[in-house]
Amino acid sequence: MVFRMPRVLVVDDDEALRDAVAEAIEMAGYEVEQAENGRDALDRMRVTSPCIVLLDLMMPVMDGWEVVSEMAKDPKLALVPVCIVSAQDRLTPPKHARLLKKPVTVASLLQAVEAYCGKPG
């Protein structure tokens, strides 16, 4: 039996921010996959099964709102928890989504990941 660490999908068009978030989550013991836009995120979700998606809203190609809408149409993806990570004010997250306001702390990111993925190892 092969043990697989919980996988987190980080979706943001800002490569430096995406890398920083991914590094913090990997250091906590989780596997991380990255996507630079919503279309890429959906493609990756269909191949891998993340325990949570950390999703920016403002991105090229397909924004975060479109990702959430497309996920809801797919029975498999509709079950994947989403945490919106955004700098937008007065934001109401979609149903069943969590919200973290940028700038976000590593502690709050890890708290969200642990809530849905459990503790690694």
PDB file of N, CA and C in Angstrom:
ATOM      1  N   MET A   1       0.838  -1.174   0.000  1.00  0.00           N
ATOM      2  CA  MET A   1       0.000   0.000   0.000  1.00  0.00           C
ATOM      3  C   MET A   1       0.892   1.249   0.000  1.00  0.00           C
ATOM      4  N   VAL A   2       0.609   2.168  -0.897  1.00  0.00           N
ATOM      5  CA  VAL A   2       1.398   3.386  -1.009  1.00  0.00           C
ATOM      6  C   VAL A   2       0.663   4.508  -0.296  1.00  0.00           C
ATOM      7  N   PHE A   3       1.336   5.155   0.632  1.00  0.00           N
ATOM      8  CA  PHE A   3       0.742   6.292   1.340  1.00  0.00           C
ATOM      9  C   PHE A   3       0.977   7.560   0.538  1.00  0.00           C
ATOM     10  N   ARG A   4      -0.073   8.300   0.320  1.00  0.00           N
ATOM     11  CA  ARG A   4       0.037   9.561  -0.407  1.00  0.00           C
ATOM     12  C   ARG A   4      -0.322  10.711   0.522  1.00  0.00           C
ATOM     13  N   MET A   5       0.527  11.721   0.556  1.00  0.00           N
ATOM     14  CA  MET A   5       0.245  12.894   1.363  1.00  0.00           C
ATOM     15  C   MET A   5      -0.950  13.632   0.775  1.00  0.00           C
ATOM     16  N   PRO A   6      -1.710  14.333   1.610  1.00  0.00           N
ATOM     17  CA  PRO A   6      -2.811  15.144   1.083  1.00  0.00           C
ATOM     18  C   PRO A   6      -2.282  16.173   0.079  1.00  0.00           C
ATOM     19  N   ARG A   7      -2.997  16.362  -1.018  1.00  0.00           N
ATOM     20  CA  ARG A   7      -2.568  17.261  -2.087  1.00  0.00           C
ATOM     21  C   ARG A   7      -3.427  18.531  -2.077  1.00  0.00           C
ATOM     22  N   VAL A   8      -2.741  19.667  -2.157  1.00  0.00           N
ATOM     23  CA  VAL A   8      -3.368  20.982  -2.185  1.00  0.00           C
ATOM     24  C   VAL A   8      -3.116  21.598  -3.555  1.00  0.00           C
ATOM     25  N   LEU A   9      -4.144  22.185  -4.150  1.00  0.00           N
ATOM     26  CA  LEU A   9      -3.981  22.878  -5.423  1.00  0.00           C
ATOM     27  C   LEU A   9      -4.007  24.379  -5.166  1.00  0.00           C
ATOM     28  N   VAL A  10      -2.915  25.051  -5.523  1.00  0.00           N
ATOM     29  CA  VAL A  10      -2.793  26.506  -5.357  1.00  0.00           C
ATOM     30  C   VAL A  10      -2.973  27.141  -6.729  1.00  0.00           C
ATOM     31  N   VAL A  11      -3.982  28.009  -6.850  1.00  0.00           N
ATOM     32  CA  VAL A  11      -4.315  28.623  -8.138  1.00  0.00           C
ATOM     33  C   VAL A  11      -4.202  30.142  -8.019  1.00  0.00           C
ATOM     34  N   ASP A  12      -3.220  30.706  -8.713  1.00  0.00           N
ATOM     35  CA  ASP A  12      -3.005  32.152  -8.704  1.00  0.00           C
ATOM     36  C   ASP A  12      -2.147  32.510  -9.907  1.00  0.00           C
ATOM     37  N   ASP A  13      -2.447  33.623 -10.549  1.00  0.00           N
ATOM     38  CA  ASP A  13      -1.653  34.031 -11.708  1.00  0.00           C
ATOM     39  C   ASP A  13      -0.356  34.717 -11.306  1.00  0.00           C
ATOM     40  N   ASP A  14      -0.212  35.095 -10.047  1.00  0.00           N
ATOM     41  CA  ASP A  14       1.014  35.716  -9.543  1.00  0.00           C
ATOM     42  C   ASP A  14       1.988  34.606  -9.154  1.00  0.00           C
ATOM     43  N   GLU A  15       2.975  34.367 -10.004  1.00  0.00           N
ATOM     44  CA  GLU A  15       3.890  33.245  -9.813  1.00  0.00           C
ATOM     45  C   GLU A  15       4.647  33.322  -8.487  1.00  0.00           C
ATOM     46  N   ALA A  16       5.112  34.501  -8.112  1.00  0.00           N
ATOM     47  CA  ALA A  16       5.871  34.645  -6.865  1.00  0.00           C
ATOM     48  C   ALA A  16       4.990  34.310  -5.658  1.00  0.00           C
ATOM     49  N   LEU A  17       3.767  34.793  -5.660  1.00  0.00           N
ATOM     50  CA  LEU A  17       2.843  34.506  -4.562  1.00  0.00           C
ATOM     51  C   LEU A  17       2.492  33.019  -4.540  1.00  0.00           C
ATOM     52  N   ARG A  18       2.215  32.471  -5.711  1.00  0.00           N
ATOM     53  CA  ARG A  18       1.883  31.045  -5.829  1.00  0.00           C
ATOM     54  C   ARG A  18       3.021  30.181  -5.295  1.00  0.00           C
ATOM     55  N   ASP A  19       4.257  30.513  -5.670  1.00  0.00           N
ATOM     56  CA  ASP A  19       5.425  29.766  -5.202  1.00  0.00           C
ATOM     57  C   ASP A  19       5.596  29.879  -3.690  1.00  0.00           C
ATOM     58  N   ALA A  20       5.386  31.068  -3.150  1.00  0.00           N
ATOM     59  CA  ALA A  20       5.533  31.277  -1.702  1.00  0.00           C
ATOM     60  C   ALA A  20       4.496  30.465  -0.923  1.00  0.00           C
ATOM     61  N   VAL A  21       3.263  30.486  -1.391  1.00  0.00           N
ATOM     62  CA  VAL A  21       2.199  29.721  -0.743  1.00  0.00           C
ATOM     63  C   VAL A  21       2.510  28.227  -0.845  1.00  0.00           C
ATOM     64  N   ALA A  22       2.912  27.789  -2.024  1.00  0.00           N
ATOM     65  CA  ALA A  22       3.228  26.377  -2.228  1.00  0.00           C
ATOM     66  C   ALA A  22       4.366  25.927  -1.307  1.00  0.00           C
ATOM     67  N   GLU A  23       5.383  26.746  -1.187  1.00  0.00           N
ATOM     68  CA  GLU A  23       6.520  26.390  -0.335  1.00  0.00           C
ATOM     69  C   GLU A  23       6.097  26.250   1.129  1.00  0.00           C
ATOM     70  N   ALA A  24       5.280  27.179   1.607  1.00  0.00           N
ATOM     71  CA  ALA A  24       4.819  27.125   3.001  1.00  0.00           C
ATOM     72  C   ALA A  24       3.992  25.866   3.259  1.00  0.00           C
ATOM     73  N   ILE A  25       3.156  25.512   2.310  1.00  0.00           N
ATOM     74  CA  ILE A  25       2.301  24.335   2.474  1.00  0.00           C
ATOM     75  C   ILE A  25       3.126  23.046   2.374  1.00  0.00           C
ATOM     76  N   GLU A  26       4.092  23.023   1.466  1.00  0.00           N
ATOM     77  CA  GLU A  26       4.977  21.854   1.351  1.00  0.00           C
ATOM     78  C   GLU A  26       5.798  21.668   2.629  1.00  0.00           C
ATOM     79  N   MET A  27       6.276  22.766   3.199  1.00  0.00           N
ATOM     80  CA  MET A  27       7.069  22.684   4.422  1.00  0.00           C
ATOM     81  C   MET A  27       6.244  22.125   5.586  1.00  0.00           C
ATOM     82  N   ALA A  28       4.922  22.301   5.504  1.00  0.00           N
ATOM     83  CA  ALA A  28       4.039  21.757   6.537  1.00  0.00           C
ATOM     84  C   ALA A  28       3.743  20.275   6.302  1.00  0.00           C
ATOM     85  N   GLY A  29       4.215  19.723   5.166  1.00  0.00           N
ATOM     86  CA  GLY A  29       4.082  18.298   4.930  1.00  0.00           C
ATOM     87  C   GLY A  29       3.047  17.869   3.906  1.00  0.00           C
ATOM     88  N   TYR A  30       2.488  18.815   3.180  1.00  0.00           N
ATOM     89  CA  TYR A  30       1.486  18.490   2.162  1.00  0.00           C
ATOM     90  C   TYR A  30       2.118  18.473   0.768  1.00  0.00           C
ATOM     91  N   GLU A  31       1.521  17.704  -0.140  1.00  0.00           N
ATOM     92  CA  GLU A  31       1.896  17.790  -1.545  1.00  0.00           C
ATOM     93  C   GLU A  31       1.183  19.002  -2.122  1.00  0.00           C
ATOM     94  N   VAL A  32       1.832  19.688  -3.043  1.00  0.00           N
ATOM     95  CA  VAL A  32       1.233  20.880  -3.640  1.00  0.00           C
ATOM     96  C   VAL A  32       1.329  20.794  -5.150  1.00  0.00           C
ATOM     97  N   GLU A  33       0.251  21.159  -5.784  1.00  0.00           N
ATOM     98  CA  GLU A  33       0.223  21.314  -7.232  1.00  0.00           C
ATOM     99  C   GLU A  33      -0.163  22.763  -7.484  1.00  0.00           C
ATOM    100  N   GLN A  34       0.366  23.344  -8.565  1.00  0.00           N
ATOM    101  CA  GLN A  34       0.102  24.745  -8.862  1.00  0.00           C
ATOM    102  C   GLN A  34      -0.566  24.899 -10.222  1.00  0.00           C
ATOM    103  N   ALA A  35      -1.417  25.926 -10.315  1.00  0.00           N
ATOM    104  CA  ALA A  35      -2.043  26.285 -11.581  1.00  0.00           C
ATOM    105  C   ALA A  35      -2.030  27.802 -11.696  1.00  0.00           C
ATOM    106  N   GLU A  36      -1.768  28.302 -12.913  1.00  0.00           N
ATOM    107  CA  GLU A  36      -1.642  29.745 -13.105  1.00  0.00           C
ATOM    108  C   GLU A  36      -2.932  30.424 -13.550  1.00  0.00           C
ATOM    109  N   ASN A  37      -3.974  29.642 -13.842  1.00  0.00           N
ATOM    110  CA  ASN A  37      -5.270  30.229 -14.201  1.00  0.00           C
ATOM    111  C   ASN A  37      -6.354  29.178 -13.982  1.00  0.00           C
ATOM    112  N   GLY A  38      -7.581  29.595 -14.127  1.00  0.00           N
ATOM    113  CA  GLY A  38      -8.702  28.706 -13.856  1.00  0.00           C
ATOM    114  C   GLY A  38      -8.790  27.514 -14.776  1.00  0.00           C
ATOM    115  N   ARG A  39      -8.504  27.699 -16.051  1.00  0.00           N
ATOM    116  CA  ARG A  39      -8.570  26.585 -17.003  1.00  0.00           C
ATOM    117  C   ARG A  39      -7.551  25.510 -16.620  1.00  0.00           C
ATOM    118  N   ASP A  40      -6.333  25.949 -16.316  1.00  0.00           N
ATOM    119  CA  ASP A  40      -5.282  25.033 -15.882  1.00  0.00           C
ATOM    120  C   ASP A  40      -5.708  24.311 -14.602  1.00  0.00           C
ATOM    121  N   ALA A  41      -6.328  25.028 -13.683  1.00  0.00           N
ATOM    122  CA  ALA A  41      -6.778  24.436 -12.417  1.00  0.00           C
ATOM    123  C   ALA A  41      -7.796  23.328 -12.660  1.00  0.00           C
ATOM    124  N   LEU A  42      -8.788  23.587 -13.503  1.00  0.00           N
ATOM    125  CA  LEU A  42      -9.796  22.569 -13.794  1.00  0.00           C
ATOM    126  C   LEU A  42      -9.176  21.336 -14.441  1.00  0.00           C
ATOM    127  N   ASP A  43      -8.256  21.556 -15.370  1.00  0.00           N
ATOM    128  CA  ASP A  43      -7.576  20.435 -16.017  1.00  0.00           C
ATOM    129  C   ASP A  43      -6.830  19.593 -14.989  1.00  0.00           C
ATOM    130  N   ARG A  44      -6.137  20.244 -14.074  1.00  0.00           N
ATOM    131  CA  ARG A  44      -5.369  19.521 -13.057  1.00  0.00           C
ATOM    132  C   ARG A  44      -6.291  18.791 -12.078  1.00  0.00           C
ATOM    133  N   MET A  45      -7.404  19.423 -11.696  1.00  0.00           N
ATOM    134  CA  MET A  45      -8.343  18.786 -10.764  1.00  0.00           C
ATOM    135  C   MET A  45      -8.943  17.513 -11.346  1.00  0.00           C
ATOM    136  N   ARG A  46      -9.107  17.482 -12.661  1.00  0.00           N
ATOM    137  CA  ARG A  46      -9.697  16.306 -13.302  1.00  0.00           C
ATOM    138  C   ARG A  46      -8.724  15.132 -13.327  1.00  0.00           C
ATOM    139  N   VAL A  47      -7.427  15.413 -13.188  1.00  0.00           N
ATOM    140  CA  VAL A  47      -6.405  14.366 -13.202  1.00  0.00           C
ATOM    141  C   VAL A  47      -6.025  13.961 -11.777  1.00  0.00           C
ATOM    142  N   THR A  48      -5.874  14.940 -10.911  1.00  0.00           N
ATOM    143  CA  THR A  48      -5.502  14.676  -9.521  1.00  0.00           C
ATOM    144  C   THR A  48      -6.702  14.977  -8.631  1.00  0.00           C
ATOM    145  N   SER A  49      -6.624  14.572  -7.421  1.00  0.00           N
ATOM    146  CA  SER A  49      -7.725  14.811  -6.483  1.00  0.00           C
ATOM    147  C   SER A  49      -7.228  15.634  -5.304  1.00  0.00           C
ATOM    148  N   PRO A  50      -7.280  16.950  -5.414  1.00  0.00           N
ATOM    149  CA  PRO A  50      -6.827  17.765  -4.277  1.00  0.00           C
ATOM    150  C   PRO A  50      -7.821  17.683  -3.125  1.00  0.00           C
ATOM    151  N   CYS A  51      -7.306  17.822  -1.908  1.00  0.00           N
ATOM    152  CA  CYS A  51      -8.195  17.835  -0.744  1.00  0.00           C
ATOM    153  C   CYS A  51      -8.753  19.236  -0.528  1.00  0.00           C
ATOM    154  N   ILE A  52      -8.134  20.245  -1.155  1.00  0.00           N
ATOM    155  CA  ILE A  52      -8.626  21.623  -1.111  1.00  0.00           C
ATOM    156  C   ILE A  52      -7.993  22.395  -2.271  1.00  0.00           C
ATOM    157  N   VAL A  53      -8.715  23.402  -2.740  1.00  0.00           N
ATOM    158  CA  VAL A  53      -8.204  24.316  -3.758  1.00  0.00           C
ATOM    159  C   VAL A  53      -8.123  25.695  -3.134  1.00  0.00           C
ATOM    160  N   LEU A  54      -6.927  26.289  -3.149  1.00  0.00           N
ATOM    161  CA  LEU A  54      -6.733  27.672  -2.711  1.00  0.00           C
ATOM    162  C   LEU A  54      -6.797  28.501  -3.986  1.00  0.00           C
ATOM    163  N   LEU A  55      -7.851  29.312  -4.128  1.00  0.00           N
ATOM    164  CA  LEU A  55      -8.211  29.901  -5.407  1.00  0.00           C
ATOM    165  C   LEU A  55      -8.244  31.424  -5.380  1.00  0.00           C
ATOM    166  N   ASP A  56      -7.429  32.030  -6.232  1.00  0.00           N
ATOM    167  CA  ASP A  56      -7.487  33.470  -6.461  1.00  0.00           C
ATOM    168  C   ASP A  56      -8.700  33.733  -7.355  1.00  0.00           C
ATOM    169  N   LEU A  57      -9.235  34.949  -7.301  1.00  0.00           N
ATOM    170  CA  LEU A  57     -10.392  35.275  -8.141  1.00  0.00           C
ATOM    171  C   LEU A  57     -10.019  35.988  -9.432  1.00  0.00           C
ATOM    172  N   MET A  58      -9.087  36.913  -9.348  1.00  0.00           N
ATOM    173  CA  MET A  58      -8.741  37.743 -10.499  1.00  0.00           C
ATOM    174  C   MET A  58      -7.572  37.124 -11.261  1.00  0.00           C
ATOM    175  N   MET A  59      -7.900  36.407 -12.358  1.00  0.00           N
ATOM    176  CA  MET A  59      -6.881  35.740 -13.165  1.00  0.00           C
ATOM    177  C   MET A  59      -7.262  35.822 -14.637  1.00  0.00           C
ATOM    178  N   PRO A  60      -6.273  35.729 -15.511  1.00  0.00           N
ATOM    179  CA  PRO A  60      -6.569  35.682 -16.948  1.00  0.00           C
ATOM    180  C   PRO A  60      -7.075  34.290 -17.344  1.00  0.00           C
ATOM    181  N   VAL A  61      -7.505  34.147 -18.550  1.00  0.00           N
ATOM    182  CA  VAL A  61      -7.994  32.907 -19.161  1.00  0.00           C
ATOM    183  C   VAL A  61      -9.336  32.488 -18.567  1.00  0.00           C
ATOM    184  N   MET A  62      -9.367  32.216 -17.274  1.00  0.00           N
ATOM    185  CA  MET A  62     -10.605  31.888 -16.569  1.00  0.00           C
ATOM    186  C   MET A  62     -10.435  32.330 -15.123  1.00  0.00           C
ATOM    187  N   ASP A  63     -11.336  33.201 -14.656  1.00  0.00           N
ATOM    188  CA  ASP A  63     -11.191  33.714 -13.291  1.00  0.00           C
ATOM    189  C   ASP A  63     -11.752  32.718 -12.268  1.00  0.00           C
ATOM    190  N   GLY A  64     -11.559  33.050 -11.010  1.00  0.00           N
ATOM    191  CA  GLY A  64     -11.982  32.167  -9.937  1.00  0.00           C
ATOM    192  C   GLY A  64     -13.476  31.924  -9.882  1.00  0.00           C
ATOM    193  N   TRP A  65     -14.273  32.933 -10.197  1.00  0.00           N
ATOM    194  CA  TRP A  65     -15.732  32.770 -10.219  1.00  0.00           C
ATOM    195  C   TRP A  65     -16.139  31.723 -11.255  1.00  0.00           C
ATOM    196  N   GLU A  66     -15.495  31.768 -12.414  1.00  0.00           N
ATOM    197  CA  GLU A  66     -15.793  30.788 -13.467  1.00  0.00           C
ATOM    198  C   GLU A  66     -15.371  29.384 -13.040  1.00  0.00           C
ATOM    199  N   VAL A  67     -14.259  29.283 -12.329  1.00  0.00           N
ATOM    200  CA  VAL A  67     -13.799  27.983 -11.835  1.00  0.00           C
ATOM    201  C   VAL A  67     -14.845  27.386 -10.900  1.00  0.00           C
ATOM    202  N   VAL A  68     -15.319  28.174  -9.955  1.00  0.00           N
ATOM    203  CA  VAL A  68     -16.316  27.690  -8.994  1.00  0.00           C
ATOM    204  C   VAL A  68     -17.586  27.254  -9.731  1.00  0.00           C
ATOM    205  N   SER A  69     -17.989  28.031 -10.721  1.00  0.00           N
ATOM    206  CA  SER A  69     -19.175  27.691 -11.514  1.00  0.00           C
ATOM    207  C   SER A  69     -18.986  26.375 -12.267  1.00  0.00           C
ATOM    208  N   GLU A  70     -17.822  26.191 -12.889  1.00  0.00           N
ATOM    209  CA  GLU A  70     -17.540  24.954 -13.626  1.00  0.00           C
ATOM    210  C   GLU A  70     -17.424  23.755 -12.686  1.00  0.00           C
ATOM    211  N   MET A  71     -16.844  23.962 -11.526  1.00  0.00           N
ATOM    212  CA  MET A  71     -16.722  22.884 -10.550  1.00  0.00           C
ATOM    213  C   MET A  71     -18.101  22.390 -10.128  1.00  0.00           C
ATOM    214  N   ALA A  72     -19.039  23.304  -9.945  1.00  0.00           N
ATOM    215  CA  ALA A  72     -20.389  22.950  -9.512  1.00  0.00           C
ATOM    216  C   ALA A  72     -21.110  22.078 -10.544  1.00  0.00           C
ATOM    217  N   LYS A  73     -20.732  22.171 -11.797  1.00  0.00           N
ATOM    218  CA  LYS A  73     -21.369  21.396 -12.872  1.00  0.00           C
ATOM    219  C   LYS A  73     -20.833  19.967 -12.977  1.00  0.00           C
ATOM    220  N   ASP A  74     -19.690  19.701 -12.352  1.00  0.00           N
ATOM    221  CA  ASP A  74     -19.054  18.394 -12.426  1.00  0.00           C
ATOM    222  C   ASP A  74     -19.210  17.693 -11.072  1.00  0.00           C
ATOM    223  N   PRO A  75     -19.932  16.567 -11.024  1.00  0.00           N
ATOM    224  CA  PRO A  75     -20.187  15.913  -9.733  1.00  0.00           C
ATOM    225  C   PRO A  75     -18.926  15.600  -8.930  1.00  0.00           C
ATOM    226  N   LYS A  76     -17.846  15.224  -9.599  1.00  0.00           N
ATOM    227  CA  LYS A  76     -16.596  14.913  -8.891  1.00  0.00           C
ATOM    228  C   LYS A  76     -15.963  16.192  -8.336  1.00  0.00           C
ATOM    229  N   LEU A  77     -15.898  17.242  -9.143  1.00  0.00           N
ATOM    230  CA  LEU A  77     -15.257  18.488  -8.708  1.00  0.00           C
ATOM    231  C   LEU A  77     -16.103  19.263  -7.716  1.00  0.00           C
ATOM    232  N   ALA A  78     -17.408  19.075  -7.768  1.00  0.00           N
ATOM    233  CA  ALA A  78     -18.300  19.792  -6.844  1.00  0.00           C
ATOM    234  C   ALA A  78     -18.025  19.422  -5.391  1.00  0.00           C
ATOM    235  N   LEU A  79     -17.414  18.279  -5.172  1.00  0.00           N
ATOM    236  CA  LEU A  79     -17.111  17.818  -3.816  1.00  0.00           C
ATOM    237  C   LEU A  79     -15.794  18.368  -3.264  1.00  0.00           C
ATOM    238  N   VAL A  80     -14.980  18.986  -4.119  1.00  0.00           N
ATOM    239  CA  VAL A  80     -13.673  19.495  -3.694  1.00  0.00           C
ATOM    240  C   VAL A  80     -13.857  20.830  -2.973  1.00  0.00           C
ATOM    241  N   PRO A  81     -13.392  20.933  -1.730  1.00  0.00           N
ATOM    242  CA  PRO A  81     -13.505  22.193  -0.997  1.00  0.00           C
ATOM    243  C   PRO A  81     -12.679  23.304  -1.653  1.00  0.00           C
ATOM    244  N   VAL A  82     -13.204  24.522  -1.594  1.00  0.00           N
ATOM    245  CA  VAL A  82     -12.532  25.690  -2.168  1.00  0.00           C
ATOM    246  C   VAL A  82     -12.341  26.734  -1.078  1.00  0.00           C
ATOM    247  N   CYS A  83     -11.152  27.306  -1.062  1.00  0.00           N
ATOM    248  CA  CYS A  83     -10.865  28.447  -0.195  1.00  0.00           C
ATOM    249  C   CYS A  83     -10.478  29.600  -1.107  1.00  0.00           C
ATOM    250  N   ILE A  84     -11.340  30.619  -1.162  1.00  0.00           N
ATOM    251  CA  ILE A  84     -11.071  31.799  -1.972  1.00  0.00           C
ATOM    252  C   ILE A  84     -10.024  32.643  -1.250  1.00  0.00           C
ATOM    253  N   VAL A  85      -8.962  33.000  -1.957  1.00  0.00           N
ATOM    254  CA  VAL A  85      -7.904  33.850  -1.413  1.00  0.00           C
ATOM    255  C   VAL A  85      -7.898  35.107  -2.275  1.00  0.00           C
ATOM    256  N   SER A  86      -8.410  36.213  -1.718  1.00  0.00           N
ATOM    257  CA  SER A  86      -8.611  37.413  -2.529  1.00  0.00           C
ATOM    258  C   SER A  86      -8.394  38.689  -1.731  1.00  0.00           C
ATOM    259  N   ALA A  87      -8.010  39.730  -2.442  1.00  0.00           N
ATOM    260  CA  ALA A  87      -7.857  41.045  -1.830  1.00  0.00           C
ATOM    261  C   ALA A  87      -9.130  41.879  -1.976  1.00  0.00           C
ATOM    262  N   GLN A  88     -10.124  41.356  -2.663  1.00  0.00           N
ATOM    263  CA  GLN A  88     -11.361  42.103  -2.891  1.00  0.00           C
ATOM    264  C   GLN A  88     -12.084  42.376  -1.578  1.00  0.00           C
ATOM    265  N   ASP A  89     -12.621  43.582  -1.461  1.00  0.00           N
ATOM    266  CA  ASP A  89     -13.413  43.953  -0.289  1.00  0.00           C
ATOM    267  C   ASP A  89     -14.869  43.558  -0.508  1.00  0.00           C
ATOM    268  N   ARG A  90     -15.575  43.401   0.582  1.00  0.00           N
ATOM    269  CA  ARG A  90     -17.005  43.090   0.542  1.00  0.00           C
ATOM    270  C   ARG A  90     -17.318  41.900  -0.354  1.00  0.00           C
ATOM    271  N   LEU A  91     -16.583  40.886  -0.171  1.00  0.00           N
ATOM    272  CA  LEU A  91     -16.721  39.691  -0.992  1.00  0.00           C
ATOM    273  C   LEU A  91     -17.568  38.663  -0.266  1.00  0.00           C
ATOM    274  N   THR A  92     -18.552  38.123  -0.943  1.00  0.00           N
ATOM    275  CA  THR A  92     -19.345  37.033  -0.406  1.00  0.00           C
ATOM    276  C   THR A  92     -18.898  35.763  -1.115  1.00  0.00           C
ATOM    277  N   PRO A  93     -18.290  34.847  -0.377  1.00  0.00           N
ATOM    278  CA  PRO A  93     -17.795  33.632  -1.041  1.00  0.00           C
ATOM    279  C   PRO A  93     -18.955  32.781  -1.540  1.00  0.00           C
ATOM    280  N   PRO A  94     -18.697  31.988  -2.562  1.00  0.00           N
ATOM    281  CA  PRO A  94     -19.728  31.074  -3.057  1.00  0.00           C
ATOM    282  C   PRO A  94     -20.129  30.084  -1.963  1.00  0.00           C
ATOM    283  N   LYS A  95     -21.273  29.480  -2.130  1.00  0.00           N
ATOM    284  CA  LYS A  95     -21.766  28.492  -1.182  1.00  0.00           C
ATOM    285  C   LYS A  95     -20.699  27.423  -0.957  1.00  0.00           C
ATOM    286  N   HIS A  96     -20.513  27.039   0.280  1.00  0.00           N
ATOM    287  CA  HIS A  96     -19.561  25.993   0.680  1.00  0.00           C
ATOM    288  C   HIS A  96     -18.095  26.374   0.466  1.00  0.00           C
ATOM    289  N   ALA A  97     -17.804  27.648   0.262  1.00  0.00           N
ATOM    290  CA  ALA A  97     -16.401  28.066   0.106  1.00  0.00           C
ATOM    291  C   ALA A  97     -15.979  28.872   1.325  1.00  0.00           C
ATOM    292  N   ARG A  98     -14.733  28.783   1.625  1.00  0.00           N
ATOM    293  CA  ARG A  98     -14.140  29.548   2.718  1.00  0.00           C
ATOM    294  C   ARG A  98     -13.469  30.771   2.108  1.00  0.00           C
ATOM    295  N   LEU A  99     -13.270  31.820   2.886  1.00  0.00           N
ATOM    296  CA  LEU A  99     -12.662  33.046   2.381  1.00  0.00           C
ATOM    297  C   LEU A  99     -11.476  33.447   3.238  1.00  0.00           C
ATOM    298  N   LEU A 100     -10.346  33.732   2.579  1.00  0.00           N
ATOM    299  CA  LEU A 100      -9.174  34.308   3.234  1.00  0.00           C
ATOM    300  C   LEU A 100      -8.832  35.589   2.488  1.00  0.00           C
ATOM    301  N   LYS A 101      -8.664  36.669   3.229  1.00  0.00           N
ATOM    302  CA  LYS A 101      -8.391  37.968   2.615  1.00  0.00           C
ATOM    303  C   LYS A 101      -6.884  38.186   2.502  1.00  0.00           C
ATOM    304  N   LYS A 102      -6.448  38.589   1.301  1.00  0.00           N
ATOM    305  CA  LYS A 102      -5.039  38.942   1.076  1.00  0.00           C
ATOM    306  C   LYS A 102      -4.766  40.296   1.708  1.00  0.00           C
ATOM    307  N   PRO A 103      -3.613  40.519   2.256  1.00  0.00           N
ATOM    308  CA  PRO A 103      -2.521  39.555   2.399  1.00  0.00           C
ATOM    309  C   PRO A 103      -2.867  38.525   3.471  1.00  0.00           C
ATOM    310  N   VAL A 104      -2.573  37.291   3.173  1.00  0.00           N
ATOM    311  CA  VAL A 104      -2.918  36.185   4.047  1.00  0.00           C
ATOM    312  C   VAL A 104      -1.676  35.711   4.797  1.00  0.00           C
ATOM    313  N   THR A 105      -1.872  35.266   6.013  1.00  0.00           N
ATOM    314  CA  THR A 105      -0.741  34.757   6.790  1.00  0.00           C
ATOM    315  C   THR A 105      -0.557  33.262   6.525  1.00  0.00           C
ATOM    316  N   VAL A 106       0.643  32.789   6.748  1.00  0.00           N
ATOM    317  CA  VAL A 106       0.920  31.361   6.596  1.00  0.00           C
ATOM    318  C   VAL A 106       0.054  30.577   7.577  1.00  0.00           C
ATOM    319  N   ALA A 107      -0.101  31.088   8.782  1.00  0.00           N
ATOM    320  CA  ALA A 107      -0.901  30.387   9.795  1.00  0.00           C
ATOM    321  C   ALA A 107      -2.350  30.213   9.331  1.00  0.00           C
ATOM    322  N   SER A 108      -2.940  31.243   8.744  1.00  0.00           N
ATOM    323  CA  SER A 108      -4.334  31.120   8.309  1.00  0.00           C
ATOM    324  C   SER A 108      -4.466  30.179   7.106  1.00  0.00           C
ATOM    325  N   LEU A 109      -3.468  30.187   6.219  1.00  0.00           N
ATOM    326  CA  LEU A 109      -3.473  29.244   5.097  1.00  0.00           C
ATOM    327  C   LEU A 109      -3.405  27.807   5.611  1.00  0.00           C
ATOM    328  N   LEU A 110      -2.476  27.558   6.512  1.00  0.00           N
ATOM    329  CA  LEU A 110      -2.312  26.206   7.038  1.00  0.00           C
ATOM    330  C   LEU A 110      -3.528  25.758   7.844  1.00  0.00           C
ATOM    331  N   GLN A 111      -4.164  26.676   8.524  1.00  0.00           N
ATOM    332  CA  GLN A 111      -5.382  26.354   9.271  1.00  0.00           C
ATOM    333  C   GLN A 111      -6.487  25.899   8.310  1.00  0.00           C
ATOM    334  N   ALA A 112      -6.638  26.618   7.188  1.00  0.00           N
ATOM    335  CA  ALA A 112      -7.645  26.238   6.190  1.00  0.00           C
ATOM    336  C   ALA A 112      -7.318  24.881   5.577  1.00  0.00           C
ATOM    337  N   VAL A 113      -6.064  24.673   5.236  1.00  0.00           N
ATOM    338  CA  VAL A 113      -5.651  23.402   4.632  1.00  0.00           C
ATOM    339  C   VAL A 113      -5.882  22.260   5.610  1.00  0.00           C
ATOM    340  N   GLU A 114      -5.463  22.424   6.843  1.00  0.00           N
ATOM    341  CA  GLU A 114      -5.629  21.369   7.833  1.00  0.00           C
ATOM    342  C   GLU A 114      -7.094  21.064   8.096  1.00  0.00           C
ATOM    343  N   ALA A 115      -7.952  22.089   8.048  1.00  0.00           N
ATOM    344  CA  ALA A 115      -9.380  21.887   8.282  1.00  0.00           C
ATOM    345  C   ALA A 115      -9.994  20.918   7.267  1.00  0.00           C
ATOM    346  N   TYR A 116      -9.508  20.948   6.048  1.00  0.00           N
ATOM    347  CA  TYR A 116     -10.077  20.110   4.990  1.00  0.00           C
ATOM    348  C   TYR A 116      -9.224  18.877   4.666  1.00  0.00           C
ATOM    349  N   CYS A 117      -7.940  18.940   4.919  1.00  0.00           N
ATOM    350  CA  CYS A 117      -7.043  17.856   4.524  1.00  0.00           C
ATOM    351  C   CYS A 117      -6.536  17.027   5.688  1.00  0.00           C
ATOM    352  N   GLY A 118      -6.751  17.515   6.892  1.00  0.00           N
ATOM    353  CA  GLY A 118      -6.197  16.827   8.056  1.00  0.00           C
ATOM    354  C   GLY A 118      -4.721  17.129   8.187  1.00  0.00           C
ATOM    355  N   LYS A 119      -4.122  16.570   9.203  1.00  0.00           N
ATOM    356  CA  LYS A 119      -2.683  16.766   9.411  1.00  0.00           C
ATOM    357  C   LYS A 119      -1.925  15.762   8.549  1.00  0.00           C
ATOM    358  N   PRO A 120      -0.860  16.224   7.892  1.00  0.00           N
ATOM    359  CA  PRO A 120      -0.095  15.281   7.061  1.00  0.00           C
ATOM    360  C   PRO A 120       0.666  14.282   7.927  1.00  0.00           C
ATOM    361  N   GLY A 121       0.939  13.119   7.313  1.00  0.00           N
ATOM    362  CA  GLY A 121       1.741  12.109   7.984  1.00  0.00           C
ATOM    363  C   GLY A 121       0.960  11.398   8.983  1.00  0.00           C
TER     364      GLY A 121
END
